[in-house]
Amino acid sequence: MPEETKAKTLKSPYKKDKESLQNYIRQLLEAGLNNCQIGKLVGKHSSTIGDYRDRMGLTQNKFDHTTREKVRELYNSGMAKAAIARELGISRQRVSELVRDYIAAQINERSNLSI
């Protein structure tokens, strides 16, 4: 089931109080949605969702492996970083960080093979 469909099957949208919003964000993260997707559903910017997530102690690490793999795949196919960001619903800065980490890991791997 696509993530956005999962989100629609969750509890009805949050009330205007902070606790309800945080609970709704938690549910959407658990359903696999990213900050941009959640932001669209609740009418907040993705960075605001990231701030809420950080305050709640919820990292996106459990989703990062999948995101990292998708970024690598799209980057290796020749897609521009901005296009990757749009495609995956993440910031261009996050794409740049993941690409930089990927390139550094490749360089490190090559230098270990040379030894």
Foldseek 3Di string as FASTA:
>chain_A
DDLVVVLVPDDPQADPDPVRNLVSLVSSVVSPDALQVSCVVNVHHSVVSVVSCVVVVHDSVVNVVVLLVQLVVCVVVPDDLVVSCVVRVHDSVVSVVSVVVVVVVVVVVVVVVVD
